[in-house]
Amino acid sequence: MTVQLNHTIVWCHDKQKSSAFMAEILGLPAPKAFYHFMVVELANGVSLDFSDNGDAVVTQHYAFLVS
């Protein structure tokens, strides 16, 4: 059995702005809507699924290897 990370949810206050900013700074294609998420696709098949959180957003950590 192989295991791969498929996606992770990124909690934010404005999924449109946050996902667009992430895609822009990483030089990735514009986010696409998927149900109630805005999805940023990474080169290795993993996606960052941005979702609005009405509550306080706590610190989250994401690490990227960038060439």
C-alpha atoms as a PDB file:
ATOM      1  CA  MET A   1       0.000   0.000   0.000  1.00  0.00           C
ATOM      2  CA  THR A   2       1.247   3.480  -0.839  1.00  0.00           C
ATOM      3  CA  VAL A   3       0.169   6.622   0.942  1.00  0.00           C
ATOM      4  CA  GLN A   4       0.270  10.124  -0.504  1.00  0.00           C
ATOM      5  CA  LEU A   5      -0.974  13.445   0.764  1.00  0.00           C
ATOM      6  CA  ASN A   6      -3.854  14.554  -1.473  1.00  0.00           C
ATOM      7  CA  HIS A   7      -4.873  17.913   0.000  1.00  0.00           C
ATOM      8  CA  THR A   8      -4.992  19.998   3.123  1.00  0.00           C
ATOM      9  CA  ILE A   9      -7.480  22.630   4.199  1.00  0.00           C
ATOM     10  CA  VAL A  10      -6.169  26.139   4.717  1.00  0.00           C
ATOM     11  CA  TRP A  11      -8.465  28.076   7.072  1.00  0.00           C
ATOM     12  CA  CYS A  12      -8.658  31.791   6.315  1.00  0.00           C
ATOM     13  CA  HIS A  13     -10.944  34.823   6.551  1.00  0.00           C
ATOM     14  CA  ASP A  14     -11.246  35.370   2.782  1.00  0.00           C
ATOM     15  CA  LYS A  15     -10.678  32.288   0.631  1.00  0.00           C
ATOM     16  CA  GLN A  16     -10.776  34.289  -2.635  1.00  0.00           C
ATOM     17  CA  LYS A  17      -8.036  36.724  -1.620  1.00  0.00           C
ATOM     18  CA  SER A  18      -5.944  34.207   0.309  1.00  0.00           C
ATOM     19  CA  SER A  19      -5.900  31.551  -2.416  1.00  0.00           C
ATOM     20  CA  ALA A  20      -5.164  34.131  -5.131  1.00  0.00           C
ATOM     21  CA  PHE A  21      -2.285  35.532  -3.081  1.00  0.00           C
ATOM     22  CA  MET A  22      -0.793  32.067  -2.513  1.00  0.00           C
ATOM     23  CA  ALA A  23      -1.046  31.138  -6.185  1.00  0.00           C
ATOM     24  CA  GLU A  24       0.535  34.442  -7.215  1.00  0.00           C
ATOM     25  CA  ILE A  25       3.526  34.313  -4.864  1.00  0.00           C
ATOM     26  CA  LEU A  26       4.233  30.675  -5.801  1.00  0.00           C
ATOM     27  CA  GLY A  27       3.789  31.305  -9.546  1.00  0.00           C
ATOM     28  CA  LEU A  28       0.939  28.791  -9.812  1.00  0.00           C
ATOM     29  CA  PRO A  29      -2.247  28.835 -11.909  1.00  0.00           C
ATOM     30  CA  ALA A  30      -5.218  30.760 -10.547  1.00  0.00           C
ATOM     31  CA  PRO A  31      -7.284  28.939  -7.899  1.00  0.00           C
ATOM     32  CA  LYS A  32     -10.368  27.014  -8.975  1.00  0.00           C
ATOM     33  CA  ALA A  33     -13.641  26.672  -7.110  1.00  0.00           C
ATOM     34  CA  PHE A  34     -14.513  23.186  -5.831  1.00  0.00           C
ATOM     35  CA  TYR A  35     -17.682  23.015  -3.748  1.00  0.00           C
ATOM     36  CA  HIS A  36     -17.132  25.629  -1.023  1.00  0.00           C
ATOM     37  CA  PHE A  37     -13.320  25.651  -1.415  1.00  0.00           C
ATOM     38  CA  MET A  38     -10.913  27.665  -3.541  1.00  0.00           C
ATOM     39  CA  VAL A  39      -8.235  25.174  -4.605  1.00  0.00           C
ATOM     40  CA  VAL A  40      -4.598  25.871  -5.435  1.00  0.00           C
ATOM     41  CA  GLU A  41      -3.009  22.909  -7.232  1.00  0.00           C
ATOM     42  CA  LEU A  42       0.668  22.188  -6.571  1.00  0.00           C
ATOM     43  CA  ALA A  43       3.053  20.505  -9.031  1.00  0.00           C
ATOM     44  CA  ASN A  44       3.160  17.212  -7.097  1.00  0.00           C
ATOM     45  CA  GLY A  45      -0.599  16.633  -7.210  1.00  0.00           C
ATOM     46  CA  VAL A  46      -1.310  17.981  -3.718  1.00  0.00           C
ATOM     47  CA  SER A  47      -3.809  20.800  -3.376  1.00  0.00           C
ATOM     48  CA  LEU A  48      -4.320  23.577  -0.858  1.00  0.00           C
ATOM     49  CA  ASP A  49      -8.051  23.907  -0.293  1.00  0.00           C
ATOM     50  CA  PHE A  50      -8.871  27.359   1.089  1.00  0.00           C
ATOM     51  CA  SER A  51     -11.975  27.665   3.223  1.00  0.00           C
ATOM     52  CA  ASP A  52     -13.429  30.603   5.116  1.00  0.00           C
ATOM     53  CA  ASN A  53     -13.511  30.189   8.866  1.00  0.00           C
ATOM     54  CA  GLY A  54     -15.816  32.531  10.758  1.00  0.00           C
ATOM     55  CA  ASP A  55     -13.866  31.991  13.959  1.00  0.00           C
ATOM     56  CA  ALA A  56     -10.381  33.195  14.746  1.00  0.00           C
ATOM     57  CA  VAL A  57      -7.814  31.605  12.435  1.00  0.00           C
ATOM     58  CA  VAL A  58      -5.014  29.967  14.391  1.00  0.00           C
ATOM     59  CA  THR A  59      -1.406  29.730  13.277  1.00  0.00           C
ATOM     60  CA  GLN A  60      -0.831  27.085  10.612  1.00  0.00           C
ATOM     61  CA  HIS A  61       2.449  25.831   9.168  1.00  0.00           C
ATOM     62  CA  TYR A  62       3.070  24.872   5.541  1.00  0.00           C
ATOM     63  CA  ALA A  63       6.539  24.143   4.125  1.00  0.00           C
ATOM     64  CA  PHE A  64       7.340  24.294   0.411  1.00  0.00           C
ATOM     65  CA  LEU A  65      10.395  23.133  -1.529  1.00  0.00           C
ATOM     66  CA  VAL A  66      10.855  25.723  -4.275  1.00  0.00           C
ATOM     67  CA  SER A  67      13.410  25.358  -7.067  1.00  0.00           C
END
